[in-house]
Each structure stands twice: as structure tokens, then as C-alpha cells.
Amino acid sequence: MLGMRLKVFLPTPIEDLVKTFIFYLLSFDTDIRGWRIQKIKQAPTQKNSVDCGMYVCKYMEATFQPEAIIWTDVKDWQDNMAKVRAEFAYAILSTTIK
């Protein structure tokens, strides 16, 4: 067991997202702990106590898109949460694990 590398098996879209996040995280030569945190006033917010995980996933998905985010265009996450959950489940379940 010694010397074995832990391989994490994630569905391809999520694996790609994690790889992209790690790439950008490791690309910084500066200490990001000193960066100012800014709240985006137009960003969608959950209106209950159960959708926080889905919101985190949607924020990550939106943030890593190559186009600029227009937050006012995505304000309907809460209204469409059943669809958001179904699409997320489909993406996970329909992906082949390599």
C-alpha cells in the first residue's frame, strides 16, 4: 500500500471543473489571503435552508464559464431548482467514470 497514489474518480464535467479550479489556484504567485472580498449584489441567493449546495455548484459553474457573467440573467435558480437538481443529477449519472 505504501507508495500508492490516491486517484479520485469524478465524473468528467466535475473532474474538469476541479482541475481548472486547481490550475488557477496554483497559478498565483501572490498570497491571496490578503485579497479584498467583494459581494456581488445581483448574484442569486437561496430563499430556503436546503439549496445551499446547489447554489455553490451553480456559482462555480457560472464563474468558470469563458463568457462574462450577467447575474441578473440567472436570478431564477430558486424558481427552477427542481430542473437545476435534475440537470446536475443527469450530468453526474450519465458520465462514465474512467
PDB file of N, CA and C in Angstrom:
ATOM      1  N   MET A   1       0.809  -1.206   0.000  1.00  0.00           N
ATOM      2  CA  MET A   1       0.000   0.000   0.000  1.00  0.00           C
ATOM      3  C   MET A   1       0.853   1.272   0.000  1.00  0.00           C
ATOM      4  N   LEU A   2       2.039   1.185   0.591  1.00  0.00           N
ATOM      5  CA  LEU A   2       2.884   2.371   0.607  1.00  0.00           C
ATOM      6  C   LEU A   2       3.287   2.731  -0.813  1.00  0.00           C
ATOM      7  N   GLY A   3       3.324   3.976  -1.085  1.00  0.00           N
ATOM      8  CA  GLY A   3       3.705   4.440  -2.405  1.00  0.00           C
ATOM      9  C   GLY A   3       2.552   4.506  -3.397  1.00  0.00           C
ATOM     10  N   MET A   4       1.391   3.984  -3.028  1.00  0.00           N
ATOM     11  CA  MET A   4       0.244   4.063  -3.936  1.00  0.00           C
ATOM     12  C   MET A   4      -0.298   5.480  -3.926  1.00  0.00           C
ATOM     13  N   ARG A   5      -0.653   5.937  -5.077  1.00  0.00           N
ATOM     14  CA  ARG A   5      -1.230   7.277  -5.173  1.00  0.00           C
ATOM     15  C   ARG A   5      -2.741   7.166  -5.144  1.00  0.00           C
ATOM     16  N   LEU A   6      -3.344   8.055  -4.419  1.00  0.00           N
ATOM     17  CA  LEU A   6      -4.802   8.086  -4.339  1.00  0.00           C
ATOM     18  C   LEU A   6      -5.342   8.713  -5.615  1.00  0.00           C
ATOM     19  N   LYS A   7      -6.174   8.002  -6.321  1.00  0.00           N
ATOM     20  CA  LYS A   7      -6.811   8.532  -7.537  1.00  0.00           C
ATOM     21  C   LYS A   7      -8.269   8.790  -7.216  1.00  0.00           C
ATOM     22  N   VAL A   8      -8.685   9.998  -7.397  1.00  0.00           N
ATOM     23  CA  VAL A   8     -10.074  10.363  -7.161  1.00  0.00           C
ATOM     24  C   VAL A   8     -10.825  10.191  -8.475  1.00  0.00           C
ATOM     25  N   PHE A   9     -11.916   9.451  -8.438  1.00  0.00           N
ATOM     26  CA  PHE A   9     -12.723   9.228  -9.631  1.00  0.00           C
ATOM     27  C   PHE A   9     -13.940  10.135  -9.579  1.00  0.00           C
ATOM     28  N   LEU A  10     -13.961  11.094 -10.449  1.00  0.00           N
ATOM     29  CA  LEU A  10     -15.071  12.034 -10.525  1.00  0.00           C
ATOM     30  C   LEU A  10     -15.632  12.005 -11.936  1.00  0.00           C
ATOM     31  N   PRO A  11     -16.910  12.270 -12.073  1.00  0.00           N
ATOM     32  CA  PRO A  11     -17.469  12.391 -13.427  1.00  0.00           C
ATOM     33  C   PRO A  11     -16.720  13.467 -14.205  1.00  0.00           C
ATOM     34  N   THR A  12     -16.576  13.278 -15.483  1.00  0.00           N
ATOM     35  CA  THR A  12     -15.753  14.145 -16.324  1.00  0.00           C
ATOM     36  C   THR A  12     -16.059  15.639 -16.178  1.00  0.00           C
ATOM     37  N   PRO A  13     -17.322  16.093 -16.231  1.00  0.00           N
ATOM     38  CA  PRO A  13     -17.540  17.545 -16.095  1.00  0.00           C
ATOM     39  C   PRO A  13     -17.053  18.079 -14.754  1.00  0.00           C
ATOM     40  N   ILE A  14     -17.272  17.319 -13.696  1.00  0.00           N
ATOM     41  CA  ILE A  14     -16.845  17.773 -12.371  1.00  0.00           C
ATOM     42  C   ILE A  14     -15.329  17.676 -12.264  1.00  0.00           C
ATOM     43  N   GLU A  15     -14.742  16.602 -12.796  1.00  0.00           N
ATOM     44  CA  GLU A  15     -13.286  16.449 -12.781  1.00  0.00           C
ATOM     45  C   GLU A  15     -12.635  17.611 -13.523  1.00  0.00           C
ATOM     46  N   ASP A  16     -13.190  17.974 -14.676  1.00  0.00           N
ATOM     47  CA  ASP A  16     -12.660  19.100 -15.444  1.00  0.00           C
ATOM     48  C   ASP A  16     -12.758  20.398 -14.654  1.00  0.00           C
ATOM     49  N   LEU A  17     -13.859  20.594 -13.965  1.00  0.00           N
ATOM     50  CA  LEU A  17     -14.052  21.792 -13.157  1.00  0.00           C
ATOM     51  C   LEU A  17     -13.033  21.841 -12.027  1.00  0.00           C
ATOM     52  N   VAL A  18     -12.829  20.715 -11.346  1.00  0.00           N
ATOM     53  CA  VAL A  18     -11.859  20.651 -10.248  1.00  0.00           C
ATOM     54  C   VAL A  18     -10.450  20.908 -10.779  1.00  0.00           C
ATOM     55  N   LYS A  19     -10.094  20.295 -11.909  1.00  0.00           N
ATOM     56  CA  LYS A  19      -8.768  20.512 -12.497  1.00  0.00           C
ATOM     57  C   LYS A  19      -8.566  21.983 -12.854  1.00  0.00           C
ATOM     58  N   THR A  20      -9.590  22.610 -13.424  1.00  0.00           N
ATOM     59  CA  THR A  20      -9.498  24.023 -13.779  1.00  0.00           C
ATOM     60  C   THR A  20      -9.319  24.877 -12.536  1.00  0.00           C
ATOM     61  N   PHE A  21     -10.101  24.582 -11.496  1.00  0.00           N
ATOM     62  CA  PHE A  21     -10.001  25.327 -10.242  1.00  0.00           C
ATOM     63  C   PHE A  21      -8.598  25.193  -9.656  1.00  0.00           C
ATOM     64  N   ILE A  22      -8.069  23.970  -9.607  1.00  0.00           N
ATOM     65  CA  ILE A  22      -6.737  23.742  -9.046  1.00  0.00           C
ATOM     66  C   ILE A  22      -5.680  24.446  -9.894  1.00  0.00           C
ATOM     67  N   PHE A  23      -5.816  24.384 -11.223  1.00  0.00           N
ATOM     68  CA  PHE A  23      -4.868  25.059 -12.106  1.00  0.00           C
ATOM     69  C   PHE A  23      -4.806  26.546 -11.787  1.00  0.00           C
ATOM     70  N   TYR A  24      -5.970  27.192 -11.701  1.00  0.00           N
ATOM     71  CA  TYR A  24      -5.983  28.623 -11.426  1.00  0.00           C
ATOM     72  C   TYR A  24      -5.520  28.929 -10.010  1.00  0.00           C
ATOM     73  N   LEU A  25      -5.860  28.076  -9.075  1.00  0.00           N
ATOM     74  CA  LEU A  25      -5.433  28.281  -7.694  1.00  0.00           C
ATOM     75  C   LEU A  25      -3.915  28.214  -7.589  1.00  0.00           C
ATOM     76  N   LEU A  26      -3.305  27.261  -8.283  1.00  0.00           N
ATOM     77  CA  LEU A  26      -1.857  27.097  -8.227  1.00  0.00           C
ATOM     78  C   LEU A  26      -1.112  28.073  -9.131  1.00  0.00           C
ATOM     79  N   SER A  27      -1.828  28.832  -9.940  1.00  0.00           N
ATOM     80  CA  SER A  27      -1.198  29.777 -10.856  1.00  0.00           C
ATOM     81  C   SER A  27      -0.808  31.085 -10.181  1.00  0.00           C
ATOM     82  N   PHE A  28      -1.273  31.303  -8.980  1.00  0.00           N
ATOM     83  CA  PHE A  28      -0.998  32.562  -8.297  1.00  0.00           C
ATOM     84  C   PHE A  28       0.356  32.523  -7.614  1.00  0.00           C
ATOM     85  N   ASP A  29       1.128  33.576  -7.819  1.00  0.00           N
ATOM     86  CA  ASP A  29       2.400  33.708  -7.122  1.00  0.00           C
ATOM     87  C   ASP A  29       2.245  34.570  -5.877  1.00  0.00           C
ATOM     88  N   THR A  30       1.084  35.133  -5.693  1.00  0.00           N
ATOM     89  CA  THR A  30       0.864  36.015  -4.556  1.00  0.00           C
ATOM     90  C   THR A  30       0.026  35.310  -3.498  1.00  0.00           C
ATOM     91  N   ASP A  31       0.095  35.829  -2.310  1.00  0.00           N
ATOM     92  CA  ASP A  31      -0.698  35.292  -1.209  1.00  0.00           C
ATOM     93  C   ASP A  31      -2.105  35.875  -1.319  1.00  0.00           C
ATOM     94  N   ILE A  32      -3.059  35.053  -1.720  1.00  0.00           N
ATOM     95  CA  ILE A  32      -4.413  35.546  -1.967  1.00  0.00           C
ATOM     96  C   ILE A  32      -5.186  35.823  -0.683  1.00  0.00           C
ATOM     97  N   ARG A  33      -4.605  35.473   0.463  1.00  0.00           N
ATOM     98  CA  ARG A  33      -5.319  35.722   1.723  1.00  0.00           C
ATOM     99  C   ARG A  33      -5.495  37.208   1.996  1.00  0.00           C
ATOM    100  N   GLY A  34      -4.705  38.032   1.366  1.00  0.00           N
ATOM    101  CA  GLY A  34      -4.815  39.468   1.561  1.00  0.00           C
ATOM    102  C   GLY A  34      -5.766  40.153   0.588  1.00  0.00           C
ATOM    103  N   TRP A  35      -6.329  39.393  -0.306  1.00  0.00           N
ATOM    104  CA  TRP A  35      -7.239  39.971  -1.288  1.00  0.00           C
ATOM    105  C   TRP A  35      -8.532  40.423  -0.634  1.00  0.00           C
ATOM    106  N   ARG A  36      -9.080  41.501  -1.150  1.00  0.00           N
ATOM    107  CA  ARG A  36     -10.345  42.023  -0.655  1.00  0.00           C
ATOM    108  C   ARG A  36     -11.487  41.170  -1.196  1.00  0.00           C
ATOM    109  N   ILE A  37     -12.412  40.823  -0.344  1.00  0.00           N
ATOM    110  CA  ILE A  37     -13.583  40.050  -0.758  1.00  0.00           C
ATOM    111  C   ILE A  37     -14.704  41.024  -1.079  1.00  0.00           C
ATOM    112  N   GLN A  38     -15.338  40.802  -2.185  1.00  0.00           N
ATOM    113  CA  GLN A  38     -16.398  41.690  -2.639  1.00  0.00           C
ATOM    114  C   GLN A  38     -17.676  40.894  -2.825  1.00  0.00           C
ATOM    115  N   LYS A  39     -18.772  41.415  -2.336  1.00  0.00           N
ATOM    116  CA  LYS A  39     -20.062  40.755  -2.524  1.00  0.00           C
ATOM    117  C   LYS A  39     -20.687  41.246  -3.824  1.00  0.00           C
ATOM    118  N   ILE A  40     -21.194  40.302  -4.594  1.00  0.00           N
ATOM    119  CA  ILE A  40     -21.880  40.660  -5.837  1.00  0.00           C
ATOM    120  C   ILE A  40     -23.353  40.839  -5.499  1.00  0.00           C
ATOM    121  N   LYS A  41     -23.832  42.058  -5.594  1.00  0.00           N
ATOM    122  CA  LYS A  41     -25.192  42.363  -5.156  1.00  0.00           C
ATOM    123  C   LYS A  41     -26.262  41.700  -6.011  1.00  0.00           C
ATOM    124  N   GLN A  42     -25.990  41.480  -7.284  1.00  0.00           N
ATOM    125  CA  GLN A  42     -27.001  40.908  -8.169  1.00  0.00           C
ATOM    126  C   GLN A  42     -26.990  39.381  -8.179  1.00  0.00           C
ATOM    127  N   ALA A  43     -26.046  38.753  -7.502  1.00  0.00           N
ATOM    128  CA  ALA A  43     -25.939  37.289  -7.535  1.00  0.00           C
ATOM    129  C   ALA A  43     -27.178  36.653  -6.910  1.00  0.00           C
ATOM    130  N   PRO A  44     -27.626  35.538  -7.472  1.00  0.00           N
ATOM    131  CA  PRO A  44     -28.798  34.849  -6.923  1.00  0.00           C
ATOM    132  C   PRO A  44     -28.530  34.365  -5.498  1.00  0.00           C
ATOM    133  N   THR A  45     -29.547  34.432  -4.680  1.00  0.00           N
ATOM    134  CA  THR A  45     -29.430  33.931  -3.306  1.00  0.00           C
ATOM    135  C   THR A  45     -30.561  32.954  -3.038  1.00  0.00           C
ATOM    136  N   GLN A  46     -30.258  31.970  -2.223  1.00  0.00           N
ATOM    137  CA  GLN A  46     -31.272  30.970  -1.912  1.00  0.00           C
ATOM    138  C   GLN A  46     -32.305  31.548  -0.953  1.00  0.00           C
ATOM    139  N   LYS A  47     -33.490  31.017  -1.026  1.00  0.00           N
ATOM    140  CA  LYS A  47     -34.584  31.509  -0.188  1.00  0.00           C
ATOM    141  C   LYS A  47     -35.064  30.440   0.786  1.00  0.00           C
ATOM    142  N   ASN A  48     -34.240  29.403   0.979  1.00  0.00           N
ATOM    143  CA  ASN A  48     -34.586  28.352   1.937  1.00  0.00           C
ATOM    144  C   ASN A  48     -33.303  27.847   2.585  1.00  0.00           C
ATOM    145  N   SER A  49     -33.413  26.811   3.394  1.00  0.00           N
ATOM    146  CA  SER A  49     -32.237  26.311   4.104  1.00  0.00           C
ATOM    147  C   SER A  49     -31.711  25.002   3.526  1.00  0.00           C
ATOM    148  N   VAL A  50     -32.153  24.611   2.326  1.00  0.00           N
ATOM    149  CA  VAL A  50     -31.750  23.306   1.800  1.00  0.00           C
ATOM    150  C   VAL A  50     -31.018  23.364   0.454  1.00  0.00           C
ATOM    151  N   ASP A  51     -30.993  24.487  -0.209  1.00  0.00           N
ATOM    152  CA  ASP A  51     -30.421  24.551  -1.552  1.00  0.00           C
ATOM    153  C   ASP A  51     -28.996  25.100  -1.598  1.00  0.00           C
ATOM    154  N   CYS A  52     -28.343  25.238  -0.450  1.00  0.00           N
ATOM    155  CA  CYS A  52     -27.022  25.871  -0.427  1.00  0.00           C
ATOM    156  C   CYS A  52     -26.004  25.122  -1.281  1.00  0.00           C
ATOM    157  N   GLY A  53     -26.009  23.792  -1.239  1.00  0.00           N
ATOM    158  CA  GLY A  53     -25.059  23.020  -2.042  1.00  0.00           C
ATOM    159  C   GLY A  53     -25.251  23.233  -3.527  1.00  0.00           C
ATOM    160  N   MET A  54     -26.506  23.301  -3.951  1.00  0.00           N
ATOM    161  CA  MET A  54     -26.786  23.527  -5.369  1.00  0.00           C
ATOM    162  C   MET A  54     -26.345  24.934  -5.783  1.00  0.00           C
ATOM    163  N   TYR A  55     -26.518  25.896  -4.896  1.00  0.00           N
ATOM    164  CA  TYR A  55     -26.078  27.253  -5.202  1.00  0.00           C
ATOM    165  C   TYR A  55     -24.564  27.317  -5.347  1.00  0.00           C
ATOM    166  N   VAL A  56     -23.836  26.623  -4.471  1.00  0.00           N
ATOM    167  CA  VAL A  56     -22.375  26.594  -4.587  1.00  0.00           C
ATOM    168  C   VAL A  56     -21.976  26.004  -5.938  1.00  0.00           C
ATOM    169  N   CYS A  57     -22.610  24.898  -6.323  1.00  0.00           N
ATOM    170  CA  CYS A  57     -22.317  24.274  -7.621  1.00  0.00           C
ATOM    171  C   CYS A  57     -22.635  25.220  -8.773  1.00  0.00           C
ATOM    172  N   LYS A  58     -23.762  25.899  -8.709  1.00  0.00           N
ATOM    173  CA  LYS A  58     -24.145  26.825  -9.780  1.00  0.00           C
ATOM    174  C   LYS A  58     -23.207  28.040  -9.835  1.00  0.00           C
ATOM    175  N   TYR A  59     -22.783  28.553  -8.652  1.00  0.00           N
ATOM    176  CA  TYR A  59     -21.827  29.661  -8.639  1.00  0.00           C
ATOM    177  C   TYR A  59     -20.524  29.234  -9.305  1.00  0.00           C
ATOM    178  N   MET A  60     -20.034  28.033  -8.956  1.00  0.00           N
ATOM    179  CA  MET A  60     -18.790  27.540  -9.556  1.00  0.00           C
ATOM    180  C   MET A  60     -18.948  27.370 -11.060  1.00  0.00           C
ATOM    181  N   GLU A  61     -20.064  26.791 -11.466  1.00  0.00           N
ATOM    182  CA  GLU A  61     -20.324  26.587 -12.890  1.00  0.00           C
ATOM    183  C   GLU A  61     -20.340  27.926 -13.634  1.00  0.00           C
ATOM    184  N   ALA A  62     -21.016  28.910 -13.078  1.00  0.00           N
ATOM    185  CA  ALA A  62     -21.117  30.225 -13.718  1.00  0.00           C
ATOM    186  C   ALA A  62     -19.771  30.947 -13.732  1.00  0.00           C
ATOM    187  N   THR A  63     -19.021  30.818 -12.657  1.00  0.00           N
ATOM    188  CA  THR A  63     -17.747  31.512 -12.537  1.00  0.00           C
ATOM    189  C   THR A  63     -16.716  31.003 -13.532  1.00  0.00           C
ATOM    190  N   PHE A  64     -16.744  29.713 -13.828  1.00  0.00           N
ATOM    191  CA  PHE A  64     -15.740  29.136 -14.718  1.00  0.00           C
ATOM    192  C   PHE A  64     -16.137  29.155 -16.192  1.00  0.00           C
ATOM    193  N   GLN A  65     -17.211  29.825 -16.527  1.00  0.00           N
ATOM    194  CA  GLN A  65     -17.607  29.963 -17.925  1.00  0.00           C
ATOM    195  C   GLN A  65     -16.707  31.006 -18.586  1.00  0.00           C
ATOM    196  N   PRO A  66     -16.360  30.807 -19.857  1.00  0.00           N
ATOM    197  CA  PRO A  66     -15.478  31.775 -20.522  1.00  0.00           C
ATOM    198  C   PRO A  66     -16.139  33.138 -20.758  1.00  0.00           C
ATOM    199  N   GLU A  67     -17.465  33.169 -20.819  1.00  0.00           N
ATOM    200  CA  GLU A  67     -18.159  34.439 -21.039  1.00  0.00           C
ATOM    201  C   GLU A  67     -18.319  35.178 -19.703  1.00  0.00           C
ATOM    202  N   ALA A  68     -18.499  36.482 -19.807  1.00  0.00           N
ATOM    203  CA  ALA A  68     -18.769  37.276 -18.609  1.00  0.00           C
ATOM    204  C   ALA A  68     -20.130  36.879 -18.039  1.00  0.00           C
ATOM    205  N   ILE A  69     -20.241  36.904 -16.726  1.00  0.00           N
ATOM    206  CA  ILE A  69     -21.485  36.513 -16.064  1.00  0.00           C
ATOM    207  C   ILE A  69     -22.387  37.732 -15.943  1.00  0.00           C
ATOM    208  N   ILE A  70     -23.607  37.590 -16.387  1.00  0.00           N
ATOM    209  CA  ILE A  70     -24.616  38.629 -16.181  1.00  0.00           C
ATOM    210  C   ILE A  70     -25.557  38.056 -15.128  1.00  0.00           C
ATOM    211  N   TRP A  71     -25.320  38.420 -13.882  1.00  0.00           N
ATOM    212  CA  TRP A  71     -26.029  37.794 -12.766  1.00  0.00           C
ATOM    213  C   TRP A  71     -27.530  38.014 -12.820  1.00  0.00           C
ATOM    214  N   THR A  72     -27.964  39.120 -13.400  1.00  0.00           N
ATOM    215  CA  THR A  72     -29.409  39.353 -13.466  1.00  0.00           C
ATOM    216  C   THR A  72     -30.103  38.351 -14.382  1.00  0.00           C
ATOM    217  N   ASP A  73     -29.346  37.715 -15.284  1.00  0.00           N
ATOM    218  CA  ASP A  73     -29.929  36.703 -16.171  1.00  0.00           C
ATOM    219  C   ASP A  73     -30.108  35.344 -15.497  1.00  0.00           C
ATOM    220  N   VAL A  74     -29.510  35.153 -14.340  1.00  0.00           N
ATOM    221  CA  VAL A  74     -29.588  33.845 -13.670  1.00  0.00           C
ATOM    222  C   VAL A  74     -30.301  33.933 -12.321  1.00  0.00           C
ATOM    223  N   LYS A  75     -31.146  34.918 -12.170  1.00  0.00           N
ATOM    224  CA  LYS A  75     -31.845  35.112 -10.900  1.00  0.00           C
ATOM    225  C   LYS A  75     -32.926  34.070 -10.650  1.00  0.00           C
ATOM    226  N   ASP A  76     -33.231  33.221 -11.622  1.00  0.00           N
ATOM    227  CA  ASP A  76     -34.333  32.276 -11.477  1.00  0.00           C
ATOM    228  C   ASP A  76     -33.894  30.903 -10.966  1.00  0.00           C
ATOM    229  N   TRP A  77     -32.711  30.784 -10.405  1.00  0.00           N
ATOM    230  CA  TRP A  77     -32.260  29.486  -9.904  1.00  0.00           C
ATOM    231  C   TRP A  77     -33.253  28.892  -8.919  1.00  0.00           C
ATOM    232  N   GLN A  78     -33.722  29.704  -7.986  1.00  0.00           N
ATOM    233  CA  GLN A  78     -34.632  29.187  -6.963  1.00  0.00           C
ATOM    234  C   GLN A  78     -35.936  28.709  -7.588  1.00  0.00           C
ATOM    235  N   ASP A  79     -36.469  29.484  -8.518  1.00  0.00           N
ATOM    236  CA  ASP A  79     -37.725  29.102  -9.169  1.00  0.00           C
ATOM    237  C   ASP A  79     -37.588  27.815  -9.978  1.00  0.00           C
ATOM    238  N   ASN A  80     -36.381  27.557 -10.474  1.00  0.00           N
ATOM    239  CA  ASN A  80     -36.137  26.376 -11.307  1.00  0.00           C
ATOM    240  C   ASN A  80     -35.281  25.325 -10.600  1.00  0.00           C
ATOM    241  N   MET A  81     -35.312  25.287  -9.267  1.00  0.00           N
ATOM    242  CA  MET A  81     -34.417  24.400  -8.532  1.00  0.00           C
ATOM    243  C   MET A  81     -34.645  22.926  -8.860  1.00  0.00           C
ATOM    244  N   ALA A  82     -35.870  22.518  -9.111  1.00  0.00           N
ATOM    245  CA  ALA A  82     -36.115  21.117  -9.475  1.00  0.00           C
ATOM    246  C   ALA A  82     -35.385  20.781 -10.778  1.00  0.00           C
ATOM    247  N   LYS A  83     -35.420  21.696 -11.735  1.00  0.00           N
ATOM    248  CA  LYS A  83     -34.722  21.491 -13.009  1.00  0.00           C
ATOM    249  C   LYS A  83     -33.206  21.515 -12.800  1.00  0.00           C
ATOM    250  N   VAL A  84     -32.727  22.441 -11.974  1.00  0.00           N
ATOM    251  CA  VAL A  84     -31.294  22.538 -11.682  1.00  0.00           C
ATOM    252  C   VAL A  84     -30.798  21.236 -11.064  1.00  0.00           C
ATOM    253  N   ARG A  85     -31.548  20.710 -10.090  1.00  0.00           N
ATOM    254  CA  ARG A  85     -31.170  19.437  -9.448  1.00  0.00           C
ATOM    255  C   ARG A  85     -31.186  18.289 -10.454  1.00  0.00           C
ATOM    256  N   ALA A  86     -32.196  18.246 -11.307  1.00  0.00           N
ATOM    257  CA  ALA A  86     -32.301  17.173 -12.304  1.00  0.00           C
ATOM    258  C   ALA A  86     -31.132  17.230 -13.292  1.00  0.00           C
ATOM    259  N   GLU A  87     -30.780  18.425 -13.750  1.00  0.00           N
ATOM    260  CA  GLU A  87     -29.654  18.568 -14.679  1.00  0.00           C
ATOM    261  C   GLU A  87     -28.343  18.156 -14.021  1.00  0.00           C
ATOM    262  N   PHE A  88     -28.175  18.525 -12.757  1.00  0.00           N
ATOM    263  CA  PHE A  88     -26.965  18.170 -12.013  1.00  0.00           C
ATOM    264  C   PHE A  88     -26.874  16.653 -11.839  1.00  0.00           C
ATOM    265  N   ALA A  89     -27.981  16.039 -11.449  1.00  0.00           N
ATOM    266  CA  ALA A  89     -28.016  14.581 -11.283  1.00  0.00           C
ATOM    267  C   ALA A  89     -27.742  13.886 -12.611  1.00  0.00           C
ATOM    268  N   TYR A  90     -28.332  14.390 -13.684  1.00  0.00           N
ATOM    269  CA  TYR A  90     -28.113  13.799 -15.010  1.00  0.00           C
ATOM    270  C   TYR A  90     -26.639  13.882 -15.405  1.00  0.00           C
ATOM    271  N   ALA A  91     -26.020  15.036 -15.159  1.00  0.00           N
ATOM    272  CA  ALA A  91     -24.605  15.206 -15.504  1.00  0.00           C
ATOM    273  C   ALA A  91     -23.733  14.211 -14.746  1.00  0.00           C
ATOM    274  N   ILE A  92     -24.058  13.975 -13.493  1.00  0.00           N
ATOM    275  CA  ILE A  92     -23.281  13.025 -12.692  1.00  0.00           C
ATOM    276  C   ILE A  92     -23.548  11.596 -13.138  1.00  0.00           C
ATOM    277  N   LEU A  93     -24.808  11.243 -13.270  1.00  0.00           N
ATOM    278  CA  LEU A  93     -25.171   9.851 -13.540  1.00  0.00           C
ATOM    279  C   LEU A  93     -24.915   9.408 -14.976  1.00  0.00           C
ATOM    280  N   SER A  94     -24.846  10.345 -15.904  1.00  0.00           N
ATOM    281  CA  SER A  94     -24.653   9.961 -17.303  1.00  0.00           C
ATOM    282  C   SER A  94     -23.188   9.989 -17.731  1.00  0.00           C
ATOM    283  N   THR A  95     -22.311  10.316 -16.811  1.00  0.00           N
ATOM    284  CA  THR A  95     -20.893  10.397 -17.124  1.00  0.00           C
ATOM    285  C   THR A  95     -20.211   9.073 -16.805  1.00  0.00           C
ATOM    286  N   THR A  96     -19.375   8.625 -17.707  1.00  0.00           N
ATOM    287  CA  THR A  96     -18.626   7.391 -17.497  1.00  0.00           C
ATOM    288  C   THR A  96     -17.407   7.684 -16.638  1.00  0.00           C
ATOM    289  N   ILE A  97     -17.235   6.896 -15.611  1.00  0.00           N
ATOM    290  CA  ILE A  97     -16.062   7.038 -14.751  1.00  0.00           C
ATOM    291  C   ILE A  97     -14.904   6.301 -15.408  1.00  0.00           C
ATOM    292  N   LYS A  98     -13.791   6.982 -15.540  1.00  0.00           N
ATOM    293  CA  LYS A  98     -12.615   6.391 -16.204  1.00  0.00           C
ATOM    294  C   LYS A  98     -11.707   5.736 -15.191  1.00  0.00           C
TER     295      LYS A  98
END
